[in-house]
Amino acid sequence: MTNWKRIATEARLARKEIRQGRFERSMALVTGFAALVSGVEAYLQHQRGAFKDPFMWTPVALTPPTLLAAAAALVKPKAARGPLRLLSFAWLADGVIGTALHVRGIGRLAGGFKLGQYNIVIGPPIFAPLLTAMVGVLGFCGSLLRPEVTPSRLASLITPGTSKRSSSFGTGVSRERFQQVMALTTAAFGALAGGEAYFEHLRGSFNQRWMWTPVWLTPPTVIAAVAAMRSARMAARVLPALSIAAFADGMIGFLLHLRGIRRMPGHFTNLRFNVVMGPPIFAPLLLCSVGLLGLIASLLKGKAH
């Protein structure tokens, strides 16, 4: 029972930190995770195209420095407002440029956009580059926050006589505006993740029912995230449940993709080939990032203490 009480206490303190904008290190950690997933997935997917275009290397090249900057932000908060912010802008630009190049690649396929319904499915994944831009959004938002504090220090910040000291949320951003940005980001990237899952699973003809789950989750998650921008009830009840479902679905999808690779000829003994040509192994984990964004947006809504 003591352990459960301790967990509950830590959860309450974590929520207060988030509502006061004190989760800079946590956001840096999430940014590093998203960069690793995006970079490795881009490497594996671009290996299919033998890196014919030099731009295919850009998300791969951005991954190591982003991981270093995120790690530095865990130790020294100023790193989040310096190198990590610059790298975040680079990820955003790379996502936009990558989308334009993927659209161009689809247009160059036989039939071009006249066979769009077919070429979008078999061609370069149209939404994938914009999903990598999530790294940039996470990193930039993290650079606007303040670092976490120890529980004892946090307790002193949230006592009745210290409301003025804890009233500011982050660097030049209000808590309400930041919550709206996070909710809108959840909706945007949730729609992109669902759209990408639809086209990728269409290649496999939805031969398993699990393939539909990210597609089914997308509309209610997007609607809940948009509604949470204004409704505290939606943010407190509906968005957290759907965010947890999205996170769980991403983890289940990751395991199912692993199983799909194991079922290919050679199994894991032919891992180098099967990881490239099989189901995109890390793609479902991007849905986990959407779930984390939704949880943060839901925790931010409400009256700060």
C-alpha atoms as a PDB file:
ATOM      1  CA  MET A   1       0.000   0.000   0.000  1.00  0.00           C
ATOM      2  CA  THR A   2       2.883   2.315   0.746  1.00  0.00           C
ATOM      3  CA  ASN A   3       4.214   1.844  -2.774  1.00  0.00           C
ATOM      4  CA  TRP A   4       0.848   2.754  -4.279  1.00  0.00           C
ATOM      5  CA  LYS A   5       0.658   5.870  -2.102  1.00  0.00           C
ATOM      6  CA  ARG A   6       4.150   6.840  -3.217  1.00  0.00           C
ATOM      7  CA  ILE A   7       3.213   6.334  -6.870  1.00  0.00           C
ATOM      8  CA  ALA A   8       0.057   8.424  -6.410  1.00  0.00           C
ATOM      9  CA  THR A   9       2.055  11.197  -4.733  1.00  0.00           C
ATOM     10  CA  GLU A  10       4.655  11.193  -7.496  1.00  0.00           C
ATOM     11  CA  ALA A  11       1.883  11.299 -10.114  1.00  0.00           C
ATOM     12  CA  ARG A  12       0.290  14.338  -8.454  1.00  0.00           C
ATOM     13  CA  LEU A  13       3.633  16.121  -8.265  1.00  0.00           C
ATOM     14  CA  ALA A  14       4.368  15.275 -11.914  1.00  0.00           C
ATOM     15  CA  ARG A  15       1.009  16.703 -12.935  1.00  0.00           C
ATOM     16  CA  LYS A  16       1.689  19.920 -11.053  1.00  0.00           C
ATOM     17  CA  GLU A  17       5.085  20.181 -12.736  1.00  0.00           C
ATOM     18  CA  ILE A  18       3.515  19.762 -16.154  1.00  0.00           C
ATOM     19  CA  ARG A  19       0.852  22.371 -15.397  1.00  0.00           C
ATOM     20  CA  GLN A  20       3.586  24.796 -14.370  1.00  0.00           C
ATOM     21  CA  GLY A  21       5.618  24.129 -17.509  1.00  0.00           C
ATOM     22  CA  ARG A  22       8.316  22.258 -15.613  1.00  0.00           C
ATOM     23  CA  PHE A  23       8.923  19.284 -17.902  1.00  0.00           C
ATOM     24  CA  GLU A  24      11.720  20.488 -20.162  1.00  0.00           C
ATOM     25  CA  ARG A  25      13.888  17.405 -19.543  1.00  0.00           C
ATOM     26  CA  SER A  26      10.944  15.059 -20.130  1.00  0.00           C
ATOM     27  CA  MET A  27      10.211  16.744 -23.453  1.00  0.00           C
ATOM     28  CA  ALA A  28      13.872  16.471 -24.395  1.00  0.00           C
ATOM     29  CA  LEU A  29      13.696  12.745 -23.655  1.00  0.00           C
ATOM     30  CA  VAL A  30      10.545  12.356 -25.781  1.00  0.00           C
ATOM     31  CA  THR A  31      12.206  14.378 -28.560  1.00  0.00           C
ATOM     32  CA  GLY A  32      15.226  12.094 -28.516  1.00  0.00           C
ATOM     33  CA  PHE A  33      12.981   9.026 -28.651  1.00  0.00           C
ATOM     34  CA  ALA A  34      11.021  10.433 -31.612  1.00  0.00           C
ATOM     35  CA  ALA A  35      14.265  11.366 -33.404  1.00  0.00           C
ATOM     36  CA  LEU A  36      15.664   7.847 -32.946  1.00  0.00           C
ATOM     37  CA  VAL A  37      12.476   6.205 -34.220  1.00  0.00           C
ATOM     38  CA  SER A  38      12.162   8.607 -37.160  1.00  0.00           C
ATOM     39  CA  GLY A  39      15.830   8.405 -38.126  1.00  0.00           C
ATOM     40  CA  VAL A  40      16.055   4.624 -38.039  1.00  0.00           C
ATOM     41  CA  GLU A  41      12.747   4.227 -39.888  1.00  0.00           C
ATOM     42  CA  ALA A  42      13.875   6.726 -42.554  1.00  0.00           C
ATOM     43  CA  TYR A  43      17.136   4.806 -42.948  1.00  0.00           C
ATOM     44  CA  LEU A  44      15.363   1.484 -43.423  1.00  0.00           C
ATOM     45  CA  GLN A  45      12.753   2.898 -45.795  1.00  0.00           C
ATOM     46  CA  HIS A  46      15.284   4.809 -47.877  1.00  0.00           C
ATOM     47  CA  GLN A  47      17.382   1.688 -48.183  1.00  0.00           C
ATOM     48  CA  ARG A  48      14.576   0.364 -50.362  1.00  0.00           C
ATOM     49  CA  GLY A  49      15.331   3.199 -52.747  1.00  0.00           C
ATOM     50  CA  ALA A  50      19.101   2.651 -52.391  1.00  0.00           C
ATOM     51  CA  PHE A  51      19.484   6.303 -51.289  1.00  0.00           C
ATOM     52  CA  LYS A  52      19.307   7.434 -54.922  1.00  0.00           C
ATOM     53  CA  ASP A  53      18.577  11.002 -53.855  1.00  0.00           C
ATOM     54  CA  PRO A  54      21.088  12.676 -51.487  1.00  0.00           C
ATOM     55  CA  PHE A  55      18.154  14.218 -49.598  1.00  0.00           C
ATOM     56  CA  MET A  56      17.295  10.722 -48.399  1.00  0.00           C
ATOM     57  CA  TRP A  57      20.219  10.995 -45.993  1.00  0.00           C
ATOM     58  CA  THR A  58      19.003  14.188 -44.275  1.00  0.00           C
ATOM     59  CA  PRO A  59      16.717  12.609 -41.600  1.00  0.00           C
ATOM     60  CA  VAL A  60      19.419  10.019 -40.934  1.00  0.00           C
ATOM     61  CA  ALA A  61      22.095  12.709 -40.600  1.00  0.00           C
ATOM     62  CA  LEU A  62      19.910  14.788 -38.255  1.00  0.00           C
ATOM     63  CA  THR A  63      19.382  11.902 -35.820  1.00  0.00           C
ATOM     64  CA  PRO A  64      22.796  11.651 -34.042  1.00  0.00           C
ATOM     65  CA  PRO A  65      23.150  15.394 -33.269  1.00  0.00           C
ATOM     66  CA  THR A  66      19.542  15.498 -32.076  1.00  0.00           C
ATOM     67  CA  LEU A  67      20.177  12.593 -29.713  1.00  0.00           C
ATOM     68  CA  LEU A  68      23.274  14.357 -28.383  1.00  0.00           C
ATOM     69  CA  ALA A  69      21.393  17.648 -27.938  1.00  0.00           C
ATOM     70  CA  ALA A  70      18.523  15.871 -26.165  1.00  0.00           C
ATOM     71  CA  ALA A  71      20.969  14.100 -23.865  1.00  0.00           C
ATOM     72  CA  ALA A  72      22.701  17.411 -23.139  1.00  0.00           C
ATOM     73  CA  ALA A  73      19.336  18.991 -22.296  1.00  0.00           C
ATOM     74  CA  LEU A  74      18.843  16.346 -19.603  1.00  0.00           C
ATOM     75  CA  VAL A  75      22.002  17.586 -17.893  1.00  0.00           C
ATOM     76  CA  LYS A  76      22.088  21.257 -18.835  1.00  0.00           C
ATOM     77  CA  PRO A  77      18.716  22.930 -19.532  1.00  0.00           C
ATOM     78  CA  LYS A  78      20.251  25.671 -21.681  1.00  0.00           C
ATOM     79  CA  ALA A  79      21.066  23.020 -24.281  1.00  0.00           C
ATOM     80  CA  ALA A  80      17.336  22.687 -24.979  1.00  0.00           C
ATOM     81  CA  ARG A  81      17.121  26.378 -25.807  1.00  0.00           C
ATOM     82  CA  GLY A  82      20.201  26.318 -28.031  1.00  0.00           C
ATOM     83  CA  PRO A  83      21.289  23.385 -30.197  1.00  0.00           C
ATOM     84  CA  LEU A  84      18.067  21.409 -29.711  1.00  0.00           C
ATOM     85  CA  ARG A  85      15.942  24.351 -30.867  1.00  0.00           C
ATOM     86  CA  LEU A  86      18.068  24.841 -33.994  1.00  0.00           C
ATOM     87  CA  LEU A  87      17.891  21.134 -34.770  1.00  0.00           C
ATOM     88  CA  SER A  88      14.129  21.260 -34.280  1.00  0.00           C
ATOM     89  CA  PHE A  89      13.818  23.867 -37.025  1.00  0.00           C
ATOM     90  CA  ALA A  90      15.987  21.641 -39.235  1.00  0.00           C
ATOM     91  CA  TRP A  91      13.611  18.701 -38.643  1.00  0.00           C
ATOM     92  CA  LEU A  92      10.612  20.863 -39.517  1.00  0.00           C
ATOM     93  CA  ALA A  93      12.222  22.056 -42.743  1.00  0.00           C
ATOM     94  CA  ASP A  94      13.327  18.533 -43.600  1.00  0.00           C
ATOM     95  CA  GLY A  95       9.783  17.232 -43.134  1.00  0.00           C
ATOM     96  CA  VAL A  96       8.350  19.848 -45.507  1.00  0.00           C
ATOM     97  CA  ILE A  97      11.074  19.276 -48.118  1.00  0.00           C
ATOM     98  CA  GLY A  98      10.717  15.498 -47.789  1.00  0.00           C
ATOM     99  CA  THR A  99       6.961  15.728 -48.372  1.00  0.00           C
ATOM    100  CA  ALA A 100       7.515  17.732 -51.558  1.00  0.00           C
ATOM    101  CA  LEU A 101      10.055  15.155 -52.766  1.00  0.00           C
ATOM    102  CA  HIS A 102       7.722  12.250 -51.969  1.00  0.00           C
ATOM    103  CA  VAL A 103       4.893  13.954 -53.860  1.00  0.00           C
ATOM    104  CA  ARG A 104       7.280  14.457 -56.790  1.00  0.00           C
ATOM    105  CA  GLY A 105       8.229  10.770 -56.595  1.00  0.00           C
ATOM    106  CA  ILE A 106       4.574   9.743 -56.796  1.00  0.00           C
ATOM    107  CA  GLY A 107       4.101  12.026 -59.788  1.00  0.00           C
ATOM    108  CA  ARG A 108       7.014  10.360 -61.578  1.00  0.00           C
ATOM    109  CA  LEU A 109       5.512   6.878 -61.313  1.00  0.00           C
ATOM    110  CA  ALA A 110       3.809   5.375 -64.362  1.00  0.00           C
ATOM    111  CA  GLY A 111       0.459   7.117 -64.709  1.00  0.00           C
ATOM    112  CA  GLY A 112       1.464   9.854 -62.286  1.00  0.00           C
ATOM    113  CA  PHE A 113      -1.392  11.395 -60.369  1.00  0.00           C
ATOM    114  CA  LYS A 114      -3.910  10.026 -62.866  1.00  0.00           C
ATOM    115  CA  LEU A 115      -3.364   6.731 -61.046  1.00  0.00           C
ATOM    116  CA  GLY A 116      -3.077   8.478 -57.709  1.00  0.00           C
ATOM    117  CA  GLN A 117      -5.119   5.932 -55.780  1.00  0.00           C
ATOM    118  CA  TYR A 118      -2.659   3.233 -56.841  1.00  0.00           C
ATOM    119  CA  ASN A 119       0.571   5.220 -56.908  1.00  0.00           C
ATOM    120  CA  ILE A 120       0.083   6.728 -53.449  1.00  0.00           C
ATOM    121  CA  VAL A 121      -0.119   3.194 -52.062  1.00  0.00           C
ATOM    122  CA  ILE A 122       2.915   1.728 -53.860  1.00  0.00           C
ATOM    123  CA  GLY A 123       4.991   4.903 -54.113  1.00  0.00           C
ATOM    124  CA  PRO A 124       6.938   6.868 -51.481  1.00  0.00           C
ATOM    125  CA  PRO A 125       4.913   7.133 -48.238  1.00  0.00           C
ATOM    126  CA  ILE A 126       3.333  10.527 -48.650  1.00  0.00           C
ATOM    127  CA  PHE A 127       2.797  11.377 -44.968  1.00  0.00           C
ATOM    128  CA  ALA A 128       6.000   9.883 -43.576  1.00  0.00           C
ATOM    129  CA  PRO A 129       8.185  13.024 -43.914  1.00  0.00           C
ATOM    130  CA  LEU A 130       5.610  15.167 -42.108  1.00  0.00           C
ATOM    131  CA  LEU A 131       5.568  12.629 -39.291  1.00  0.00           C
ATOM    132  CA  THR A 132       9.325  13.145 -38.889  1.00  0.00           C
ATOM    133  CA  ALA A 133       8.555  16.846 -38.484  1.00  0.00           C
ATOM    134  CA  MET A 134       7.032  15.802 -35.153  1.00  0.00           C
ATOM    135  CA  VAL A 135      10.598  15.730 -33.834  1.00  0.00           C
ATOM    136  CA  GLY A 136      10.914  19.414 -34.645  1.00  0.00           C
ATOM    137  CA  VAL A 137       7.634  20.314 -32.958  1.00  0.00           C
ATOM    138  CA  LEU A 138       8.544  18.371 -29.811  1.00  0.00           C
ATOM    139  CA  GLY A 139      12.008  19.905 -29.625  1.00  0.00           C
ATOM    140  CA  PHE A 140      10.764  23.450 -30.148  1.00  0.00           C
ATOM    141  CA  CYS A 141       7.970  23.089 -27.586  1.00  0.00           C
ATOM    142  CA  GLY A 142      10.479  21.650 -25.121  1.00  0.00           C
ATOM    143  CA  SER A 143      12.704  24.685 -25.572  1.00  0.00           C
ATOM    144  CA  LEU A 144       9.866  26.915 -24.303  1.00  0.00           C
ATOM    145  CA  LEU A 145       9.580  25.082 -20.989  1.00  0.00           C
ATOM    146  CA  ARG A 146      11.367  25.120 -17.653  1.00  0.00           C
ATOM    147  CA  PRO A 147      13.328  22.208 -16.144  1.00  0.00           C
ATOM    148  CA  GLU A 148      11.798  19.877 -13.583  1.00  0.00           C
ATOM    149  CA  VAL A 149      12.537  20.404  -9.909  1.00  0.00           C
ATOM    150  CA  THR A 150      12.924  18.022  -6.970  1.00  0.00           C
ATOM    151  CA  PRO A 151       9.726  17.057  -5.103  1.00  0.00           C
ATOM    152  CA  SER A 152      10.721  19.098  -2.050  1.00  0.00           C
ATOM    153  CA  ARG A 153      11.433  22.142  -4.162  1.00  0.00           C
ATOM    154  CA  LEU A 154       8.206  21.647  -6.096  1.00  0.00           C
ATOM    155  CA  ALA A 155       6.226  21.489  -2.854  1.00  0.00           C
ATOM    156  CA  SER A 156       7.596  24.889  -1.886  1.00  0.00           C
ATOM    157  CA  LEU A 157       6.649  26.303  -5.264  1.00  0.00           C
ATOM    158  CA  ILE A 158       3.033  25.225  -4.994  1.00  0.00           C
ATOM    159  CA  THR A 159       2.313  26.325  -1.429  1.00  0.00           C
ATOM    160  CA  PRO A 160      -0.321  29.063  -1.004  1.00  0.00           C
ATOM    161  CA  GLY A 161       2.171  31.847  -0.472  1.00  0.00           C
ATOM    162  CA  THR A 162       4.161  31.284  -3.637  1.00  0.00           C
ATOM    163  CA  SER A 163       1.580  31.604  -6.424  1.00  0.00           C
ATOM    164  CA  LYS A 164       3.358  34.570  -7.977  1.00  0.00           C
ATOM    165  CA  ARG A 165       6.608  32.670  -8.334  1.00  0.00           C
ATOM    166  CA  SER A 166       4.896  29.773 -10.118  1.00  0.00           C
ATOM    167  CA  SER A 167       2.478  31.821 -12.255  1.00  0.00           C
ATOM    168  CA  SER A 168       4.725  31.986 -15.319  1.00  0.00           C
ATOM    169  CA  PHE A 169       4.552  28.880 -17.464  1.00  0.00           C
ATOM    170  CA  GLY A 170       7.564  28.917 -19.736  1.00  0.00           C
ATOM    171  CA  THR A 171       9.707  31.153 -21.903  1.00  0.00           C
ATOM    172  CA  GLY A 172       7.367  33.701 -23.433  1.00  0.00           C
ATOM    173  CA  VAL A 173       4.328  31.412 -23.651  1.00  0.00           C
ATOM    174  CA  SER A 174       1.186  31.117 -21.543  1.00  0.00           C
ATOM    175  CA  ARG A 175      -0.032  27.792 -20.236  1.00  0.00           C
ATOM    176  CA  GLU A 176      -3.365  28.082 -22.067  1.00  0.00           C
ATOM    177  CA  ARG A 177      -1.707  28.825 -25.395  1.00  0.00           C
ATOM    178  CA  PHE A 178       0.804  26.035 -24.940  1.00  0.00           C
ATOM    179  CA  GLN A 179      -1.996  23.582 -24.153  1.00  0.00           C
ATOM    180  CA  GLN A 180      -3.818  24.603 -27.306  1.00  0.00           C
ATOM    181  CA  VAL A 181      -0.666  24.133 -29.375  1.00  0.00           C
ATOM    182  CA  MET A 182      -0.091  20.669 -27.894  1.00  0.00           C
ATOM    183  CA  ALA A 183      -3.713  19.663 -28.501  1.00  0.00           C
ATOM    184  CA  LEU A 184      -3.606  20.937 -32.078  1.00  0.00           C
ATOM    185  CA  THR A 185      -0.287  19.145 -32.627  1.00  0.00           C
ATOM    186  CA  THR A 186      -1.827  15.934 -31.302  1.00  0.00           C
ATOM    187  CA  ALA A 187      -4.711  16.297 -33.756  1.00  0.00           C
ATOM    188  CA  ALA A 188      -2.440  17.056 -36.722  1.00  0.00           C
ATOM    189  CA  PHE A 189       0.063  14.274 -36.142  1.00  0.00           C
ATOM    190  CA  GLY A 190      -2.703  11.867 -35.162  1.00  0.00           C
ATOM    191  CA  ALA A 191      -4.339  12.472 -38.547  1.00  0.00           C
ATOM    192  CA  LEU A 192      -1.001  12.004 -40.320  1.00  0.00           C
ATOM    193  CA  ALA A 193      -0.221   8.797 -38.412  1.00  0.00           C
ATOM    194  CA  GLY A 194      -3.664   7.401 -39.175  1.00  0.00           C
ATOM    195  CA  GLY A 195      -3.410   8.346 -42.839  1.00  0.00           C
ATOM    196  CA  GLU A 196       0.039   6.788 -43.151  1.00  0.00           C
ATOM    197  CA  ALA A 197      -1.169   3.613 -41.408  1.00  0.00           C
ATOM    198  CA  TYR A 198      -4.094   3.417 -43.850  1.00  0.00           C
ATOM    199  CA  PHE A 199      -1.899   3.593 -46.961  1.00  0.00           C
ATOM    200  CA  GLU A 200       0.779   1.281 -45.555  1.00  0.00           C
ATOM    201  CA  HIS A 201      -1.776  -1.315 -44.502  1.00  0.00           C
ATOM    202  CA  LEU A 202      -3.559  -0.974 -47.837  1.00  0.00           C
ATOM    203  CA  ARG A 203      -0.390  -2.446 -49.354  1.00  0.00           C
ATOM    204  CA  GLY A 204      -1.051  -5.530 -47.263  1.00  0.00           C
ATOM    205  CA  SER A 205      -4.754  -5.477 -48.184  1.00  0.00           C
ATOM    206  CA  PHE A 206      -5.645  -5.249 -44.476  1.00  0.00           C
ATOM    207  CA  ASN A 207      -5.150  -9.002 -44.213  1.00  0.00           C
ATOM    208  CA  GLN A 208      -5.310  -8.746 -40.408  1.00  0.00           C
ATOM    209  CA  ARG A 209      -8.005  -7.012 -38.391  1.00  0.00           C
ATOM    210  CA  TRP A 210      -5.375  -5.338 -36.210  1.00  0.00           C
ATOM    211  CA  MET A 211      -4.387  -3.277 -39.257  1.00  0.00           C
ATOM    212  CA  TRP A 212      -7.601  -1.303 -38.930  1.00  0.00           C
ATOM    213  CA  THR A 213      -7.061  -0.238 -35.314  1.00  0.00           C
ATOM    214  CA  PRO A 214      -4.903   2.870 -35.985  1.00  0.00           C
ATOM    215  CA  VAL A 215      -7.358   3.894 -38.709  1.00  0.00           C
ATOM    216  CA  TRP A 216     -10.325   3.490 -36.362  1.00  0.00           C
ATOM    217  CA  LEU A 217      -8.563   5.378 -33.570  1.00  0.00           C
ATOM    218  CA  THR A 218      -7.680   8.363 -35.730  1.00  0.00           C
ATOM    219  CA  PRO A 219     -11.068  10.178 -36.088  1.00  0.00           C
ATOM    220  CA  PRO A 220     -12.067  10.100 -32.398  1.00  0.00           C
ATOM    221  CA  THR A 221      -8.527  11.030 -31.293  1.00  0.00           C
ATOM    222  CA  VAL A 222      -8.375  13.982 -33.680  1.00  0.00           C
ATOM    223  CA  ILE A 223     -11.853  15.178 -32.654  1.00  0.00           C
ATOM    224  CA  ALA A 224     -11.054  14.817 -28.950  1.00  0.00           C
ATOM    225  CA  ALA A 225      -7.747  16.689 -29.318  1.00  0.00           C
ATOM    226  CA  VAL A 226      -9.414  19.600 -31.121  1.00  0.00           C
ATOM    227  CA  ALA A 227     -12.263  19.685 -28.590  1.00  0.00           C
ATOM    228  CA  ALA A 228      -9.753  19.599 -25.707  1.00  0.00           C
ATOM    229  CA  MET A 229      -8.454  22.988 -26.804  1.00  0.00           C
ATOM    230  CA  ARG A 230     -11.620  24.510 -25.338  1.00  0.00           C
ATOM    231  CA  SER A 231     -13.264  21.865 -23.192  1.00  0.00           C
ATOM    232  CA  ALA A 232     -11.704  20.943 -19.849  1.00  0.00           C
ATOM    233  CA  ARG A 233     -14.069  17.983 -19.562  1.00  0.00           C
ATOM    234  CA  MET A 234     -12.961  16.600 -22.934  1.00  0.00           C
ATOM    235  CA  ALA A 235      -9.320  17.101 -21.943  1.00  0.00           C
ATOM    236  CA  ALA A 236      -9.791  15.431 -18.573  1.00  0.00           C
ATOM    237  CA  ARG A 237     -11.873  12.425 -19.599  1.00  0.00           C
ATOM    238  CA  VAL A 238     -11.926  11.601 -23.308  1.00  0.00           C
ATOM    239  CA  LEU A 239      -8.508  12.670 -24.615  1.00  0.00           C
ATOM    240  CA  PRO A 240      -6.480  10.773 -21.947  1.00  0.00           C
ATOM    241  CA  ALA A 241      -8.379   7.540 -22.651  1.00  0.00           C
ATOM    242  CA  LEU A 242      -7.852   7.825 -26.408  1.00  0.00           C
ATOM    243  CA  SER A 243      -4.204   8.826 -25.927  1.00  0.00           C
ATOM    244  CA  ILE A 244      -3.555   5.740 -23.803  1.00  0.00           C
ATOM    245  CA  ALA A 245      -5.333   3.646 -26.454  1.00  0.00           C
ATOM    246  CA  ALA A 246      -3.121   5.163 -29.170  1.00  0.00           C
ATOM    247  CA  PHE A 247       0.024   4.481 -27.137  1.00  0.00           C
ATOM    248  CA  ALA A 248      -1.059   0.884 -26.488  1.00  0.00           C
ATOM    249  CA  ASP A 249      -1.980   0.378 -30.142  1.00  0.00           C
ATOM    250  CA  GLY A 250       1.439   1.619 -31.184  1.00  0.00           C
ATOM    251  CA  MET A 251       3.148  -0.877 -28.887  1.00  0.00           C
ATOM    252  CA  ILE A 252       0.938  -3.730 -30.096  1.00  0.00           C
ATOM    253  CA  GLY A 253       1.619  -2.696 -33.702  1.00  0.00           C
ATOM    254  CA  PHE A 254       5.358  -2.750 -33.024  1.00  0.00           C
ATOM    255  CA  LEU A 255       5.103  -6.329 -31.707  1.00  0.00           C
ATOM    256  CA  LEU A 256       2.949  -7.391 -34.670  1.00  0.00           C
ATOM    257  CA  HIS A 257       5.458  -5.884 -37.115  1.00  0.00           C
ATOM    258  CA  LEU A 258       8.197  -7.816 -35.343  1.00  0.00           C
ATOM    259  CA  ARG A 259       6.122 -10.961 -35.739  1.00  0.00           C
ATOM    260  CA  GLY A 260       5.663 -10.174 -39.434  1.00  0.00           C
ATOM    261  CA  ILE A 261       9.431  -9.918 -39.899  1.00  0.00           C
ATOM    262  CA  ARG A 262       9.942 -13.200 -38.049  1.00  0.00           C
ATOM    263  CA  ARG A 263       7.512 -14.915 -40.421  1.00  0.00           C
ATOM    264  CA  MET A 264       9.476 -13.884 -43.514  1.00  0.00           C
ATOM    265  CA  PRO A 265      11.937 -16.330 -45.156  1.00  0.00           C
ATOM    266  CA  GLY A 266      15.055 -16.542 -43.031  1.00  0.00           C
ATOM    267  CA  HIS A 267      13.274 -15.101 -40.002  1.00  0.00           C
ATOM    268  CA  PHE A 268      15.648 -13.081 -37.797  1.00  0.00           C
ATOM    269  CA  THR A 269      18.707 -14.815 -39.276  1.00  0.00           C
ATOM    270  CA  ASN A 270      18.048 -12.743 -42.406  1.00  0.00           C
ATOM    271  CA  LEU A 271      17.282  -9.652 -40.364  1.00  0.00           C
ATOM    272  CA  ARG A 272      19.140  -7.101 -42.506  1.00  0.00           C
ATOM    273  CA  PHE A 273      17.015  -7.927 -45.558  1.00  0.00           C
ATOM    274  CA  ASN A 274      13.749  -8.612 -43.754  1.00  0.00           C
ATOM    275  CA  VAL A 275      13.818  -5.384 -41.744  1.00  0.00           C
ATOM    276  CA  VAL A 276      14.187  -3.378 -44.961  1.00  0.00           C
ATOM    277  CA  MET A 277      11.642  -5.270 -47.065  1.00  0.00           C
ATOM    278  CA  GLY A 278       9.229  -6.316 -44.328  1.00  0.00           C
ATOM    279  CA  PRO A 279       6.703  -4.300 -42.319  1.00  0.00           C
ATOM    280  CA  PRO A 280       8.186  -0.954 -41.193  1.00  0.00           C
ATOM    281  CA  ILE A 281       9.358  -1.997 -37.756  1.00  0.00           C
ATOM    282  CA  PHE A 282       9.383   1.363 -35.959  1.00  0.00           C
ATOM    283  CA  ALA A 283       6.451   3.038 -37.744  1.00  0.00           C
ATOM    284  CA  PRO A 284       3.877   1.990 -35.102  1.00  0.00           C
ATOM    285  CA  LEU A 285       5.951   3.670 -32.387  1.00  0.00           C
ATOM    286  CA  LEU A 286       5.148   7.044 -33.962  1.00  0.00           C
ATOM    287  CA  LEU A 287       1.595   6.393 -32.791  1.00  0.00           C
ATOM    288  CA  CYS A 288       3.038   6.095 -29.281  1.00  0.00           C
ATOM    289  CA  SER A 289       4.415   9.631 -29.679  1.00  0.00           C
ATOM    290  CA  VAL A 290       0.935  10.843 -30.633  1.00  0.00           C
ATOM    291  CA  GLY A 291      -0.389   9.217 -27.466  1.00  0.00           C
ATOM    292  CA  LEU A 292       2.236  10.976 -25.348  1.00  0.00           C
ATOM    293  CA  LEU A 293       1.378  14.322 -26.934  1.00  0.00           C
ATOM    294  CA  GLY A 294      -2.293  13.771 -26.148  1.00  0.00           C
ATOM    295  CA  LEU A 295      -1.556  12.925 -22.525  1.00  0.00           C
ATOM    296  CA  ILE A 296       0.541  16.080 -22.105  1.00  0.00           C
ATOM    297  CA  ALA A 297      -2.210  18.198 -23.696  1.00  0.00           C
ATOM    298  CA  SER A 298      -4.805  16.668 -21.369  1.00  0.00           C
ATOM    299  CA  LEU A 299      -2.696  17.294 -18.254  1.00  0.00           C
ATOM    300  CA  LEU A 300      -2.159  20.924 -19.208  1.00  0.00           C
ATOM    301  CA  LYS A 301      -5.871  21.713 -19.400  1.00  0.00           C
ATOM    302  CA  GLY A 302      -7.419  22.978 -16.208  1.00  0.00           C
ATOM    303  CA  LYS A 303      -6.593  25.394 -13.445  1.00  0.00           C
ATOM    304  CA  ALA A 304      -2.911  25.613 -12.524  1.00  0.00           C
ATOM    305  CA  HIS A 305      -2.033  25.464  -8.843  1.00  0.00           C
END
